[in-house]
Amino acid sequence: MIAKPTSTRRPGFLVAAAALLLLVLFPAAAHAGSYIVAQCSPGVYTGADDAGFSATTSHYASYVDCSESAPGLQIKHVLGQGETGTVQGAYGAWVWTAPPGTYITGGSTYSRLATEDGQHGYLAVTPDSGASLSFENQNDDQGHESGIPAGNWRVLVARLECTVPNEGGRCVGAAGGAHAYVKQVRIQLTDVVAPTLSVTGSMLSGAVLRGPQTLEVAASDMGAGLQSVQITVNGQSAGGDDLSASCNPVPGNLTSRLAPCPPDFSKAYTFDTAKGPFVEGINSVSVCVYDYAQSGTPNSACQSHEVLVDNLCPGSPVGGGSTITAGFGNGQADRTLAFRRRALIRGRLHDAAGNPVTNAEVCIEGHTDLPGRPYHLIGTASTNENGGWTFKLRHGPSREIRVAYRFGAFQTSTDLRLHMRARATLHLSRHRTKAHRRIYFSGEIAGPSSARHVVVVRGSVPGSRRRFIVRRAKTDALGHYRVAYAFSPVPRTTRFVFSAVVPEQDGYPYMRGHSVVRYIRVRR
């Protein structure tokens, strides 16, 4: 039951009514987004879908006519045959109740109230707890536009009530001239509760994502309802839904319902992670839902997730592949080759039953054998009628190789490892020298990452198993090295042989290797 107002104004309080009208123009600060509902408003919306009529006795009758010249929502006092009056406090009322999660925070009405035989009409608002506040009670049978006071109200009522009994606690008389009419109802509501949001789908599985992936969005809002869903990937709009058309819009940027928008929403979105705005590697995916607001900031609920995308392998035009095998020319998954040799890779693609898959595309990915290096696409190959394929790698450093087959979101792969031997160049400043005369050894090692690495220059006498270290050098930023050496006296003219050895070392993507040999003749 609606509480009786704490005060009831009498006709003539025009100054107070004007003050309340100003409250509509300058409402209290909203907690979140606000919106205005128009009901029984000729020229805008003539329905009154959310207005409910209630009465404590059958002596009050309701009528509805919201056409241009009609009174609008009406309450009249009607006595039955043999009845003489109505008890004090009895009433009939048109009632608007703010949906859960919202409050009535302002608005306006146009009313015409008339009194007779102790029956009075008035408009009032009621909070969740506490007394009601009457804001219009000029019972002069004249039209008045009134502002709904600012505040957090749960209920708005237009009421006709026996407030001034004229005989022993009763309003005796037909009171046929008493009525409460209201129209041009504008109710401002403020939504103070955020929506709820749940996001699932294969995109959030935690696995590496490839090809099409789903994002399942389920949301609800107990107040104004949901106005939009926005999905962004890496800060760019990627999808969503605008639900504004389902929010009962009417002219003037108004709505016709107290809870105008859908209270629930669910949809499965599909995104191709091989296309923008997705990128290779870590991606930020955000989903936000917003409730309804015409002004201020709508309430929202958001979730953000980081997902790992790997579409480096192009999708095959032919599906059905299940397992892929691969090996080097020696049939092994691990091979060591001399510098600048090219490795041959071959393999087969089969379906789940073990049958060959023809005309499919397989991809070869790889990265230099250095910490933190990402895979990149080296090339692709097509399968023949036996499901077989071959691919020849370019020469280069040691590499980790991945052979993969992808169709849509499915991918199968196998890994190989290729070790390449290092090669250094070796140049001599002279090929003939004498004891104590300085000679220079210089050269370079192959890239990448050739800077600041060790090169050992070694020497020996042809035919001898004994070797000696001439110098241990370190390359400069360009991979070059240069060291000096002076020979000790020799008993006779002697020919020495030298080579530059590149040991296996951290941060250099080659196995141990060496240069070609160089000769020096040393005289006495």
Protein backbone atom coordinates (compact mmCIF):
# COMPACT_ATOMS: atom_id res chain seq x y z
CA MET A 1 0.00 0.00 0.00
CA ILE A 2 1.22 3.49 -0.80
CA ALA A 3 1.88 5.62 2.27
CA LYS A 4 -0.19 8.69 2.73
CA PRO A 5 1.71 11.94 2.00
CA THR A 6 3.16 13.80 4.93
CA SER A 7 1.55 17.04 3.78
CA THR A 8 -1.43 17.90 1.65
CA ARG A 9 -1.39 21.30 -0.06
CA ARG A 10 -4.55 23.29 -0.59
CA PRO A 11 -5.45 25.19 -3.78
CA GLY A 12 -3.53 28.40 -4.25
CA PHE A 13 0.01 27.21 -3.48
CA LEU A 14 1.23 28.30 -6.93
CA VAL A 15 4.65 29.51 -5.80
CA ALA A 16 5.53 26.12 -4.31
CA ALA A 17 4.36 24.37 -7.46
CA ALA A 18 6.61 26.61 -9.55
CA ALA A 19 9.57 25.77 -7.30
CA LEU A 20 8.98 22.07 -7.80
CA LEU A 21 8.86 22.58 -11.55
CA LEU A 22 12.36 24.05 -11.38
CA LEU A 23 13.55 20.77 -9.85
CA VAL A 24 12.83 19.09 -13.15
CA LEU A 25 15.13 21.49 -14.91
CA PHE A 26 17.90 21.02 -12.34
CA PRO A 27 17.59 17.48 -10.96
CA ALA A 28 19.89 16.05 -8.35
CA ALA A 29 23.11 14.52 -9.62
CA ALA A 30 22.42 11.07 -11.02
CA HIS A 31 24.33 8.02 -9.82
CA ALA A 32 24.62 6.75 -13.37
CA GLY A 33 22.73 7.04 -16.65
CA SER A 34 19.21 8.47 -16.75
CA TYR A 35 16.33 8.25 -19.18
CA ILE A 36 12.86 9.76 -19.54
CA VAL A 37 9.71 7.72 -20.09
CA ALA A 38 6.67 9.25 -21.83
CA GLN A 39 3.24 7.77 -21.14
CA CYS A 40 -0.27 9.00 -21.86
CA SER A 41 1.41 11.75 -23.85
CA PRO A 42 -0.58 12.86 -26.91
CA GLY A 43 1.72 13.62 -29.82
CA VAL A 44 4.44 11.38 -28.43
CA TYR A 45 2.98 8.15 -27.07
CA THR A 46 -0.59 7.63 -25.97
CA GLY A 47 -0.09 4.33 -24.19
CA ALA A 48 0.24 3.94 -20.44
CA ASP A 49 1.66 0.44 -20.33
CA ASP A 50 3.32 0.76 -16.95
CA ALA A 51 0.51 2.58 -15.15
CA GLY A 52 -1.43 0.26 -12.85
CA PHE A 53 -4.72 1.15 -11.18
CA SER A 54 -5.45 0.14 -7.60
CA ALA A 55 -8.30 1.02 -5.24
CA THR A 56 -9.26 0.17 -1.68
CA THR A 57 -12.95 0.21 -2.53
CA SER A 58 -15.18 -0.10 -5.55
CA HIS A 59 -16.19 3.54 -5.04
CA TYR A 60 -13.29 4.58 -7.27
CA ALA A 61 -13.42 3.90 -10.99
CA SER A 62 -10.64 4.25 -13.55
CA TYR A 63 -10.86 5.39 -17.16
CA VAL A 64 -8.23 5.78 -19.85
CA ASP A 65 -8.36 8.17 -22.80
CA CYS A 66 -5.01 9.67 -23.76
CA SER A 67 -6.10 11.31 -27.00
CA GLU A 68 -5.26 14.97 -27.64
CA SER A 69 -8.32 16.57 -26.03
CA ALA A 70 -9.13 13.82 -23.49
CA PRO A 71 -8.40 14.00 -19.75
CA GLY A 72 -5.87 11.12 -19.87
CA LEU A 73 -5.71 8.65 -16.99
CA GLN A 74 -8.80 9.30 -14.86
CA ILE A 75 -10.07 8.46 -11.39
CA LYS A 76 -13.67 9.24 -10.43
CA HIS A 77 -15.79 8.64 -7.35
CA VAL A 78 -18.82 6.45 -8.03
CA LEU A 79 -21.29 5.22 -5.39
CA GLY A 80 -23.41 2.18 -5.87
CA GLN A 81 -27.17 2.06 -5.34
CA GLY A 82 -27.99 2.71 -1.69
CA GLU A 83 -24.43 3.78 -0.79
CA THR A 84 -24.03 7.18 0.87
CA GLY A 85 -20.30 7.78 1.21
CA THR A 86 -16.76 6.49 1.56
CA VAL A 87 -14.63 5.98 4.67
CA GLN A 88 -11.71 8.28 5.38
CA GLY A 89 -8.44 7.10 3.81
CA ALA A 90 -10.08 5.11 1.04
CA TYR A 91 -8.64 5.88 -2.38
CA GLY A 92 -8.19 5.00 -6.00
CA ALA A 93 -4.79 5.54 -7.64
CA TRP A 94 -2.85 5.30 -10.85
CA VAL A 95 0.59 3.95 -9.90
CA TRP A 96 3.99 3.87 -11.63
CA THR A 97 6.63 1.77 -9.87
CA ALA A 98 10.32 2.15 -10.74
CA PRO A 99 11.81 -1.20 -11.79
CA PRO A 100 14.34 -2.82 -9.42
CA GLY A 101 17.72 -1.23 -9.86
CA THR A 102 16.25 2.16 -10.79
CA TYR A 103 14.77 5.19 -9.04
CA ILE A 104 12.40 7.90 -10.15
CA THR A 105 14.60 11.01 -10.00
CA GLY A 106 12.53 13.66 -11.75
CA GLY A 107 10.11 14.38 -14.54
CA SER A 108 6.84 16.23 -15.00
CA THR A 109 3.07 15.73 -15.26
CA TYR A 110 0.01 17.62 -16.44
CA SER A 111 -2.95 17.11 -14.12
CA ARG A 112 -6.45 18.39 -13.43
CA LEU A 113 -7.75 17.77 -9.91
CA ALA A 114 -11.15 18.56 -8.42
CA THR A 115 -12.61 18.15 -4.92
CA GLU A 116 -16.13 17.53 -3.66
CA ASP A 117 -17.65 16.04 -0.48
CA GLY A 118 -14.21 15.63 1.14
CA GLN A 119 -12.67 13.82 -1.82
CA HIS A 120 -9.36 15.33 -2.95
CA GLY A 121 -6.96 14.53 -5.75
CA TYR A 122 -3.20 14.76 -5.46
CA LEU A 123 0.07 13.56 -7.03
CA ALA A 124 2.81 12.13 -4.85
CA VAL A 125 6.08 10.20 -4.84
CA THR A 126 7.18 7.56 -2.34
CA PRO A 127 10.69 6.29 -1.49
CA ASP A 128 11.63 2.72 -0.65
CA SER A 129 11.12 3.59 3.00
CA GLY A 130 9.68 6.64 4.69
CA ALA A 131 6.79 8.99 4.03
CA SER A 132 5.39 10.00 0.67
CA LEU A 133 5.72 13.54 -0.65
CA SER A 134 2.82 15.27 -2.35
CA PHE A 135 3.91 17.63 -5.11
CA GLU A 136 0.57 18.60 -6.68
CA ASN A 137 -2.81 19.02 -4.97
CA GLN A 138 -4.43 22.09 -6.49
CA ASN A 139 -8.01 20.86 -6.61
CA ASP A 140 -9.36 23.75 -8.69
CA ASP A 141 -10.38 21.71 -11.73
CA GLN A 142 -7.75 23.57 -13.76
CA GLY A 143 -4.83 22.07 -15.70
CA HIS A 144 -1.44 22.31 -14.01
CA GLU A 145 2.00 21.22 -15.18
CA SER A 146 4.01 20.00 -12.20
CA GLY A 147 7.59 18.91 -11.73
CA ILE A 148 8.31 15.60 -10.06
CA PRO A 149 10.67 16.44 -7.19
CA ALA A 150 14.30 15.36 -7.45
CA GLY A 151 15.15 12.43 -5.24
CA ASN A 152 15.29 8.67 -5.24
CA TRP A 153 11.66 7.63 -5.42
CA ARG A 154 10.22 4.18 -5.89
CA VAL A 155 6.59 5.07 -6.73
CA LEU A 156 4.72 7.87 -8.52
CA VAL A 157 0.94 8.06 -7.92
CA ALA A 158 -2.02 10.08 -9.08
CA ARG A 159 -4.65 9.59 -6.37
CA LEU A 160 -8.22 10.48 -5.46
CA GLU A 161 -8.82 10.00 -1.75
CA CYS A 162 -11.27 10.72 1.03
CA THR A 163 -9.00 13.06 2.97
CA VAL A 164 -11.45 15.48 4.66
CA PRO A 165 -14.42 13.49 6.07
CA ASN A 166 -17.57 15.51 6.46
CA GLU A 167 -19.54 13.16 8.67
CA GLY A 168 -18.10 10.86 11.35
CA GLY A 169 -14.98 9.66 9.58
CA ARG A 170 -16.72 9.38 6.22
CA CYS A 171 -16.87 11.48 3.10
CA VAL A 172 -20.63 11.48 2.68
CA GLY A 173 -22.04 12.42 -0.67
CA ALA A 174 -21.85 11.27 -4.28
CA ALA A 175 -18.83 13.50 -4.95
CA GLY A 176 -19.62 13.24 -8.63
CA GLY A 177 -17.53 16.31 -9.35
CA ALA A 178 -14.39 15.01 -7.63
CA HIS A 179 -11.74 13.55 -9.89
CA ALA A 180 -8.03 13.16 -10.54
CA TYR A 181 -6.90 13.36 -14.14
CA VAL A 182 -3.28 13.10 -15.30
CA LYS A 183 -1.59 13.04 -18.72
CA GLN A 184 1.63 14.10 -20.44
CA VAL A 185 3.49 11.97 -17.92
CA ARG A 186 7.28 12.26 -18.15
CA ILE A 187 9.14 10.09 -15.67
CA GLN A 188 12.88 10.43 -15.34
CA LEU A 189 14.53 7.28 -14.03
CA THR A 190 18.12 6.71 -13.03
CA ASP A 191 19.61 3.23 -13.26
CA VAL A 192 21.98 2.54 -10.36
CA VAL A 193 22.76 -1.17 -10.85
CA ALA A 194 25.30 -2.48 -13.35
CA PRO A 195 24.50 -5.35 -15.70
CA THR A 196 25.87 -8.85 -15.15
CA LEU A 197 28.07 -10.46 -17.78
CA SER A 198 29.32 -13.94 -18.56
CA VAL A 199 31.74 -14.62 -21.42
CA THR A 200 32.73 -18.12 -22.52
CA GLY A 201 33.57 -19.87 -25.79
CA SER A 202 36.49 -21.50 -27.53
CA MET A 203 38.34 -18.19 -27.68
CA LEU A 204 38.75 -18.36 -23.91
CA SER A 205 39.75 -22.03 -23.76
CA GLY A 206 43.33 -21.17 -22.84
CA ALA A 207 44.66 -23.02 -25.88
CA VAL A 208 46.59 -21.45 -28.73
CA LEU A 209 44.00 -19.99 -31.10
CA ARG A 210 43.90 -20.58 -34.82
CA GLY A 211 41.27 -19.78 -37.43
CA PRO A 212 37.60 -19.28 -36.44
CA GLN A 213 36.87 -19.09 -32.70
CA THR A 214 33.67 -18.45 -30.76
CA LEU A 215 32.89 -15.94 -28.05
CA GLU A 216 29.65 -16.63 -26.18
CA VAL A 217 28.17 -13.60 -24.42
CA ALA A 218 25.36 -13.81 -21.85
CA ALA A 219 24.24 -10.68 -20.00
CA SER A 220 21.31 -9.40 -17.96
CA ASP A 221 20.21 -6.14 -16.38
CA MET A 222 17.57 -5.75 -13.71
CA GLY A 223 16.95 -2.05 -14.34
CA ALA A 224 16.53 -0.29 -17.66
CA GLY A 225 17.72 -3.32 -19.61
CA LEU A 226 20.55 -3.78 -22.07
CA GLN A 227 21.21 -1.22 -24.77
CA SER A 228 24.42 -2.45 -26.40
CA VAL A 229 27.14 -5.09 -26.53
CA GLN A 230 30.61 -4.04 -27.65
CA ILE A 231 33.53 -6.36 -28.42
CA THR A 232 37.00 -4.99 -29.03
CA VAL A 233 40.23 -6.71 -30.01
CA ASN A 234 43.45 -4.87 -29.30
CA GLY A 235 41.48 -1.68 -28.75
CA GLN A 236 39.65 -1.87 -32.09
CA SER A 237 35.97 -2.57 -32.56
CA ALA A 238 35.47 -6.17 -33.66
CA GLY A 239 31.75 -6.85 -33.15
CA GLY A 240 28.73 -6.53 -30.91
CA ASP A 241 25.09 -5.51 -31.09
CA ASP A 242 23.17 -2.26 -30.82
CA LEU A 243 19.89 -3.05 -29.06
CA SER A 244 18.54 0.52 -29.13
CA ALA A 245 15.79 -0.40 -31.58
CA SER A 246 14.41 -2.80 -28.94
CA CYS A 247 14.32 -0.08 -26.27
CA ASN A 248 10.83 1.22 -27.12
CA PRO A 249 11.99 4.56 -28.54
CA VAL A 250 9.49 7.38 -29.10
CA PRO A 251 10.00 10.86 -30.59
CA GLY A 252 12.09 13.34 -28.64
CA ASN A 253 14.78 10.86 -27.59
CA LEU A 254 12.35 9.35 -25.10
CA THR A 255 11.16 5.85 -24.39
CA SER A 256 7.69 4.49 -23.67
CA ARG A 257 8.53 1.96 -20.95
CA LEU A 258 9.91 2.10 -17.43
CA ALA A 259 12.12 -0.90 -18.25
CA PRO A 260 12.58 -0.12 -21.93
CA CYS A 261 15.28 -2.51 -23.12
CA PRO A 262 15.67 -6.31 -23.16
CA PRO A 263 16.54 -7.59 -19.68
CA ASP A 264 18.55 -10.52 -21.04
CA PHE A 265 20.84 -11.10 -23.99
CA SER A 266 22.81 -14.07 -25.21
CA LYS A 267 24.65 -14.66 -28.45
CA ALA A 268 27.56 -16.64 -29.82
CA TYR A 269 29.93 -14.60 -31.98
CA THR A 270 32.44 -16.15 -34.35
CA PHE A 271 35.71 -14.41 -35.19
CA ASP A 272 38.41 -15.44 -37.62
CA THR A 273 41.62 -14.98 -35.67
CA ALA A 274 43.55 -15.06 -38.95
CA LYS A 275 42.11 -11.62 -39.82
CA GLY A 276 42.44 -8.18 -38.27
CA PRO A 277 42.23 -6.78 -35.74
CA PHE A 278 43.79 -10.01 -34.43
CA VAL A 279 47.57 -10.23 -34.67
CA GLU A 280 50.05 -13.01 -34.20
CA GLY A 281 50.93 -13.49 -30.56
CA ILE A 282 49.17 -12.00 -27.54
CA ASN A 283 45.84 -10.27 -28.18
CA SER A 284 43.58 -8.37 -25.78
CA VAL A 285 39.89 -9.25 -26.17
CA SER A 286 37.35 -7.13 -24.27
CA VAL A 287 33.58 -7.55 -24.00
CA CYS A 288 31.40 -4.80 -22.49
CA VAL A 289 27.64 -4.59 -22.05
CA TYR A 290 25.83 -1.32 -21.31
CA ASP A 291 22.42 -0.63 -19.88
CA TYR A 292 20.08 2.05 -21.18
CA ALA A 293 20.73 5.75 -20.71
CA GLN A 294 19.67 8.89 -22.58
CA SER A 295 21.96 11.10 -20.52
CA GLY A 296 24.85 10.62 -18.14
CA THR A 297 27.04 7.52 -18.20
CA PRO A 298 25.32 4.17 -18.60
CA ASN A 299 26.22 1.37 -16.23
CA SER A 300 28.44 -1.26 -17.75
CA ALA A 301 30.02 -4.62 -17.10
CA CYS A 302 33.23 -5.58 -18.87
CA GLN A 303 35.60 -8.49 -19.12
CA SER A 304 39.05 -8.45 -20.70
CA HIS A 305 41.11 -11.49 -21.60
CA GLU A 306 44.49 -12.05 -23.17
CA VAL A 307 44.58 -14.79 -25.79
CA LEU A 308 47.43 -16.27 -27.79
CA VAL A 309 46.94 -16.42 -31.57
CA ASP A 310 49.06 -18.48 -33.93
CA ASN A 311 47.92 -18.38 -37.55
CA LEU A 312 51.44 -18.38 -38.92
CA CYS A 313 50.62 -21.51 -40.91
CA PRO A 314 48.22 -20.56 -43.73
CA GLY A 315 45.00 -22.53 -43.73
CA SER A 316 44.92 -25.36 -46.25
CA PRO A 317 42.22 -25.25 -48.93
CA VAL A 318 41.74 -28.99 -48.42
CA GLY A 319 40.51 -30.38 -45.12
CA GLY A 320 40.55 -33.85 -43.66
CA GLY A 321 44.16 -34.01 -42.56
CA SER A 322 44.77 -35.52 -39.13
CA THR A 323 48.48 -36.35 -38.74
CA ILE A 324 51.60 -35.11 -40.46
CA THR A 325 55.03 -36.75 -40.53
CA ALA A 326 58.32 -35.10 -41.47
CA GLY A 327 62.03 -35.78 -41.50
CA PHE A 328 65.22 -34.70 -43.17
CA GLY A 329 66.67 -36.52 -46.17
CA ASN A 330 68.17 -39.08 -43.80
CA GLY A 331 64.71 -39.81 -42.40
CA GLN A 332 65.59 -38.35 -38.99
CA ALA A 333 64.17 -35.37 -37.10
CA ASP A 334 67.65 -34.14 -36.21
CA ARG A 335 70.48 -33.50 -38.67
CA THR A 336 73.87 -31.80 -38.81
CA LEU A 337 75.17 -30.35 -42.09
CA ALA A 338 78.28 -28.56 -43.25
CA PHE A 339 78.19 -24.81 -43.71
CA ARG A 340 76.05 -23.61 -46.66
CA ARG A 341 74.59 -27.05 -47.30
CA ARG A 342 70.83 -27.05 -47.97
CA ALA A 343 68.61 -29.48 -46.09
CA LEU A 344 65.84 -31.45 -47.75
CA ILE A 345 62.66 -32.11 -45.75
CA ARG A 346 60.05 -34.66 -46.78
CA GLY A 347 56.93 -36.07 -45.17
CA ARG A 348 53.33 -37.24 -45.56
CA LEU A 349 49.85 -36.08 -44.55
CA HIS A 350 47.16 -38.62 -43.56
CA ASP A 351 43.56 -38.45 -42.46
CA ALA A 352 42.22 -40.06 -39.28
CA ALA A 353 41.89 -43.41 -41.05
CA GLY A 354 45.49 -43.33 -42.27
CA ASN A 355 44.61 -42.50 -45.88
CA PRO A 356 46.71 -39.95 -47.80
CA VAL A 357 45.33 -36.43 -48.17
CA THR A 358 46.04 -35.03 -51.62
CA ASN A 359 46.31 -31.42 -52.84
CA ALA A 360 46.52 -30.13 -49.28
CA GLU A 361 48.89 -27.39 -48.25
CA VAL A 362 51.45 -27.91 -45.51
CA CYS A 363 53.63 -25.13 -44.12
CA ILE A 364 57.20 -25.01 -42.96
CA GLU A 365 57.97 -22.62 -40.13
CA GLY A 366 61.25 -22.02 -38.38
CA HIS A 367 63.43 -19.80 -36.28
CA THR A 368 67.14 -19.37 -35.76
CA ASP A 369 68.41 -21.46 -32.88
CA LEU A 370 68.71 -18.52 -30.50
CA PRO A 371 66.76 -17.83 -27.30
CA GLY A 372 63.54 -15.86 -27.72
CA ARG A 373 63.40 -15.99 -31.50
CA PRO A 374 59.83 -16.37 -32.80
CA TYR A 375 58.82 -18.76 -35.52
CA HIS A 376 58.30 -17.32 -38.98
CA LEU A 377 56.85 -18.82 -42.13
CA ILE A 378 59.55 -20.25 -44.35
CA GLY A 379 57.35 -21.66 -47.08
CA THR A 380 54.61 -24.08 -48.08
CA ALA A 381 54.35 -27.32 -50.02
CA SER A 382 51.47 -29.23 -51.60
CA THR A 383 50.80 -32.92 -51.08
CA ASN A 384 50.79 -35.34 -54.00
CA GLU A 385 48.48 -38.27 -54.66
CA ASN A 386 50.24 -40.25 -51.94
CA GLY A 387 49.97 -37.47 -49.39
CA GLY A 388 53.70 -36.87 -49.76
CA TRP A 389 55.52 -33.57 -50.03
CA THR A 390 59.09 -32.22 -50.11
CA PHE A 391 60.70 -28.89 -49.31
CA LYS A 392 64.30 -27.71 -49.55
CA LEU A 393 65.50 -25.23 -46.96
CA ARG A 394 67.76 -22.34 -47.84
CA HIS A 395 71.24 -22.39 -46.38
CA GLY A 396 71.72 -20.55 -43.12
CA PRO A 397 72.36 -21.03 -39.40
CA SER A 398 71.10 -23.78 -37.11
CA ARG A 399 67.33 -23.72 -36.93
CA GLU A 400 64.35 -25.22 -35.21
CA ILE A 401 61.82 -26.26 -37.83
CA ARG A 402 58.11 -26.87 -37.44
CA VAL A 403 56.10 -28.60 -40.14
CA ALA A 404 52.34 -28.01 -39.80
CA TYR A 405 48.99 -28.56 -41.44
CA ARG A 406 46.09 -26.24 -40.58
CA PHE A 407 42.47 -26.34 -41.66
CA GLY A 408 40.25 -23.79 -39.92
CA ALA A 409 40.92 -23.92 -36.19
CA PHE A 410 42.54 -27.39 -36.36
CA GLN A 411 46.30 -27.76 -36.61
CA THR A 412 48.68 -30.68 -36.34
CA SER A 413 52.46 -30.30 -36.44
CA THR A 414 55.80 -31.97 -35.88
CA ASP A 415 59.19 -30.46 -34.99
CA LEU A 416 62.65 -30.93 -36.51
CA ARG A 417 66.06 -29.59 -35.59
CA LEU A 418 68.78 -28.64 -38.05
CA HIS A 419 72.38 -28.09 -36.87
CA MET A 420 74.76 -26.20 -39.13
CA ARG A 421 78.51 -26.10 -38.73
CA ALA A 422 80.20 -22.72 -38.44
CA ARG A 423 82.60 -21.39 -41.07
CA ALA A 424 85.22 -18.67 -40.65
CA THR A 425 87.42 -16.99 -43.21
CA LEU A 426 91.16 -16.72 -42.58
CA HIS A 427 93.51 -14.23 -44.24
CA LEU A 428 97.26 -13.80 -43.68
CA SER A 429 99.11 -10.53 -43.93
CA ARG A 430 101.98 -12.40 -45.61
CA HIS A 431 102.81 -15.96 -46.58
CA ARG A 432 106.59 -15.75 -46.01
CA THR A 433 108.23 -14.35 -42.93
CA LYS A 434 111.23 -14.51 -40.58
CA ALA A 435 111.48 -15.16 -36.87
CA HIS A 436 110.40 -12.28 -34.63
CA ARG A 437 108.66 -10.54 -37.52
CA ARG A 438 104.95 -9.87 -36.77
CA ILE A 439 102.27 -11.39 -38.95
CA TYR A 440 98.54 -10.73 -38.82
CA PHE A 441 95.69 -13.23 -38.99
CA SER A 442 92.25 -11.81 -39.85
CA GLY A 443 88.86 -12.89 -41.08
CA GLU A 444 85.20 -13.02 -40.20
CA ILE A 445 82.53 -15.47 -39.13
CA ALA A 446 79.07 -15.93 -40.62
CA GLY A 447 75.99 -14.26 -39.16
CA PRO A 448 73.57 -13.86 -37.64
CA SER A 449 74.71 -12.81 -34.14
CA SER A 450 78.36 -12.84 -35.18
CA ALA A 451 79.48 -10.08 -32.79
CA ARG A 452 81.58 -10.69 -29.67
CA HIS A 453 82.27 -14.36 -30.26
CA VAL A 454 85.44 -16.38 -29.90
CA VAL A 455 87.65 -17.48 -32.78
CA VAL A 456 90.70 -19.63 -32.08
CA VAL A 457 93.62 -19.47 -34.55
CA ARG A 458 95.56 -22.73 -34.44
CA GLY A 459 98.71 -23.88 -36.15
CA SER A 460 100.76 -27.00 -36.81
CA VAL A 461 103.45 -28.41 -39.01
CA PRO A 462 102.15 -30.48 -41.96
CA GLY A 463 102.18 -34.15 -41.10
CA SER A 464 102.34 -33.51 -37.37
CA ARG A 465 99.56 -34.36 -34.98
CA ARG A 466 100.65 -31.67 -32.58
CA ARG A 467 98.76 -28.38 -32.77
CA PHE A 468 99.34 -25.15 -30.95
CA ILE A 469 97.11 -22.18 -30.26
CA VAL A 470 98.34 -19.06 -31.96
CA ARG A 471 95.85 -16.61 -30.53
CA ARG A 472 92.31 -16.54 -29.11
CA ALA A 473 90.41 -13.67 -30.77
CA LYS A 474 87.01 -12.09 -30.26
CA THR A 475 84.97 -10.69 -33.12
CA ASP A 476 83.93 -7.06 -33.33
CA ALA A 477 80.38 -5.76 -33.92
CA LEU A 478 80.53 -6.84 -37.57
CA GLY A 479 81.88 -10.31 -36.88
CA HIS A 480 85.48 -9.48 -37.90
CA TYR A 481 88.59 -10.51 -36.00
CA ARG A 482 92.31 -9.68 -36.26
CA VAL A 483 95.26 -10.93 -34.19
CA ALA A 484 99.06 -10.60 -34.45
CA TYR A 485 101.71 -13.25 -33.97
CA ALA A 486 105.52 -13.37 -34.15
CA PHE A 487 107.37 -16.69 -34.72
CA SER A 488 110.19 -17.89 -32.53
CA PRO A 489 113.47 -18.80 -34.27
CA VAL A 490 113.38 -22.04 -36.23
CA PRO A 491 116.42 -24.28 -36.95
CA ARG A 492 115.63 -24.32 -40.64
CA THR A 493 113.06 -23.01 -43.11
CA THR A 494 109.72 -24.50 -42.04
CA ARG A 495 106.25 -24.45 -43.51
CA PHE A 496 103.39 -24.05 -41.00
CA VAL A 497 99.68 -24.63 -41.56
CA PHE A 498 96.97 -22.53 -39.82
CA SER A 499 93.18 -22.57 -39.46
CA ALA A 500 90.57 -20.52 -37.60
CA VAL A 501 88.31 -22.63 -35.38
CA VAL A 502 84.89 -21.38 -34.24
CA PRO A 503 83.91 -23.33 -31.09
CA GLU A 504 80.29 -23.97 -30.18
CA GLN A 505 79.26 -21.16 -27.86
CA ASP A 506 76.19 -19.57 -26.29
CA GLY A 507 74.38 -17.05 -28.44
CA TYR A 508 75.90 -18.22 -31.71
CA PRO A 509 73.60 -20.39 -33.86
CA TYR A 510 76.22 -22.75 -35.27
CA MET A 511 78.01 -25.88 -34.20
CA ARG A 512 81.79 -26.06 -34.05
CA GLY A 513 83.38 -25.33 -37.42
CA HIS A 514 86.57 -24.00 -38.99
CA SER A 515 88.08 -22.18 -41.92
CA VAL A 516 90.08 -23.51 -44.80
CA VAL A 517 93.79 -23.90 -43.98
CA ARG A 518 96.45 -21.32 -44.84
CA TYR A 519 100.26 -21.83 -45.12
CA ILE A 520 103.20 -19.69 -44.01
CA ARG A 521 106.90 -20.38 -44.76
CA VAL A 522 109.19 -19.23 -41.94
CA ARG A 523 112.92 -18.79 -42.68
CA ARG A 524 115.80 -18.90 -40.20
